[in-house]
Protein backbone atom coordinates (compact mmCIF):
# COMPACT_ATOMS: atom_id res chain seq x y z
CA UNK A 1 -0.28 -0.17 -0.03
CA UNK A 2 2.54 2.42 0.96
CA UNK A 3 4.85 1.51 -2.32
CA UNK A 4 1.27 2.56 -4.25
CA UNK A 5 0.65 5.60 -2.17
CA UNK A 6 4.90 6.75 -3.11
CA UNK A 7 4.79 6.37 -6.43
CA UNK A 8 1.27 8.22 -6.69
CA UNK A 9 2.91 10.93 -5.30
CA UNK A 10 5.33 10.80 -7.02
CA UNK A 11 3.47 10.88 -10.20
CA UNK A 12 1.76 13.64 -8.94
CA UNK A 13 4.70 15.38 -8.20
CA UNK A 14 6.31 14.79 -11.94
CA UNK A 15 2.37 16.03 -13.04
CA UNK A 16 2.87 19.48 -11.06
CA UNK A 17 6.21 20.35 -12.45
CA UNK A 18 5.09 19.74 -15.67
CA UNK A 19 2.53 22.05 -15.43
CA UNK A 20 5.05 24.19 -13.69
CA UNK A 21 7.66 23.86 -16.87
CA UNK A 22 4.35 24.75 -19.28
CA UNK A 23 3.59 27.80 -17.23
CA UNK A 24 7.04 29.61 -16.57
CA UNK A 25 7.57 29.14 -20.08
CA UNK A 26 4.58 30.95 -20.68
CA UNK A 27 4.00 33.53 -18.52
CA UNK A 28 7.48 33.82 -16.81
CA UNK A 29 8.43 33.71 -13.05
CA UNK A 30 6.60 37.02 -12.68
CA UNK A 31 3.86 35.80 -14.14
CA UNK A 32 3.87 32.55 -12.44
CA UNK A 33 1.38 31.58 -9.62
CA UNK A 34 0.94 28.70 -7.23
CA UNK A 35 -2.68 29.34 -8.26
CA UNK A 36 -2.01 29.04 -11.72
CA UNK A 37 0.31 26.02 -11.58
CA UNK A 38 -2.24 24.37 -9.64
CA UNK A 39 -5.28 24.75 -12.33
CA UNK A 40 -2.87 23.69 -14.76
CA UNK A 41 -2.26 20.43 -13.38
CA UNK A 42 -5.56 20.33 -12.15
CA UNK A 43 -4.91 19.33 -8.82
CA UNK A 44 -5.75 21.64 -5.07
CA UNK A 45 -3.30 23.91 -4.23
CA UNK A 46 -2.89 22.00 -1.06
CA UNK A 47 -0.61 19.43 -3.72
CA UNK A 48 1.82 22.25 -4.17
CA UNK A 49 1.72 22.89 -0.83
CA UNK A 50 2.27 19.59 0.02
CA UNK A 51 5.43 18.66 -2.33
CA UNK A 52 6.86 21.83 -2.57
CA UNK A 53 6.18 24.11 0.13
CA UNK A 54 6.20 26.83 -1.86
CA UNK A 55 6.72 28.79 -5.36
CA UNK A 56 10.57 29.10 -4.63
CA UNK A 57 10.42 25.61 -3.61
CA UNK A 58 8.67 24.26 -6.77
CA UNK A 59 11.10 26.17 -8.96
CA UNK A 60 14.29 24.34 -7.20
CA UNK A 61 12.02 21.45 -7.76
CA UNK A 62 11.87 21.82 -11.38
CA UNK A 63 15.22 22.66 -11.96
CA UNK A 64 16.44 20.06 -10.02
CA UNK A 65 14.36 17.68 -11.90
CA UNK A 66 15.27 19.15 -15.52
CA UNK A 67 19.42 19.24 -14.53
CA UNK A 68 18.78 15.04 -13.00
CA UNK A 69 17.69 14.40 -16.64
CA UNK A 70 20.44 16.72 -18.12
CA UNK A 71 23.12 14.87 -16.12
CA UNK A 72 22.02 11.09 -16.82
CA UNK A 73 21.37 11.88 -20.38
CA UNK A 74 24.97 13.31 -20.51
CA UNK A 75 26.15 10.64 -18.36
CA UNK A 76 25.13 7.70 -20.20
CA UNK A 77 26.51 9.18 -23.94
CA UNK A 78 29.20 9.97 -22.15
CA UNK A 79 30.07 6.58 -20.57
CA UNK A 80 28.84 4.58 -24.12
CA UNK A 81 32.34 3.00 -25.04
CA UNK A 82 30.74 2.00 -28.23
CA UNK A 83 30.47 5.78 -29.30
CA UNK A 84 33.14 7.42 -31.16
CA UNK A 85 34.34 10.74 -30.60
CA UNK A 86 32.76 12.14 -33.32
CA UNK A 87 29.28 10.36 -32.48
CA UNK A 88 29.29 11.68 -29.10
CA UNK A 89 30.23 15.00 -30.58
CA UNK A 90 27.23 14.57 -32.79
CA UNK A 91 25.04 13.27 -29.84
CA UNK A 92 25.62 16.10 -27.81
CA UNK A 93 25.19 18.86 -30.55
CA UNK A 94 21.73 16.84 -30.76
CA UNK A 95 21.33 17.01 -27.19
CA UNK A 96 21.73 21.10 -27.35
CA UNK A 97 19.24 21.45 -30.35
CA UNK A 98 16.90 19.78 -27.58
CA UNK A 99 17.39 21.70 -24.63
CA UNK A 100 16.45 24.52 -26.77
CA UNK A 101 13.70 22.88 -28.25
CA UNK A 102 12.49 21.52 -24.88
CA UNK A 103 12.38 25.40 -23.29
CA UNK A 104 15.27 24.23 -20.48
CA UNK A 105 17.44 27.03 -21.56
CA UNK A 106 14.57 29.46 -21.43
CA UNK A 107 13.61 28.10 -17.86
CA UNK A 108 17.02 28.39 -16.65
CA UNK A 109 17.25 32.25 -17.84
CA UNK A 110 13.61 32.57 -15.89
CA UNK A 111 15.24 31.70 -12.87
CA UNK A 112 18.52 33.52 -12.68
CA UNK A 113 16.88 36.84 -13.56
């Protein structure tokens, strides 16, 4: 039961983070509200408070989540001994394009500001 509950809580948390990312990309940090993110994620406001504590906590969690995804991807690429250096370079360039398209760079800029 606890494992199922924990998995559901993790799914809810990720769902909220994805909504926060969309809201941040649409409205910028200044226009982002926890109420708006909750509405976008279709969850009660209490879920944001429960998982993140505040708008700032939610944004830090979003940044950590996005960085974790990038680091996992990069680590897998660099540890793959079957790829040549030129293949790794090509893949790294593709990753850069993906980062730009995914909104990662924009999220990073919004959080710096």
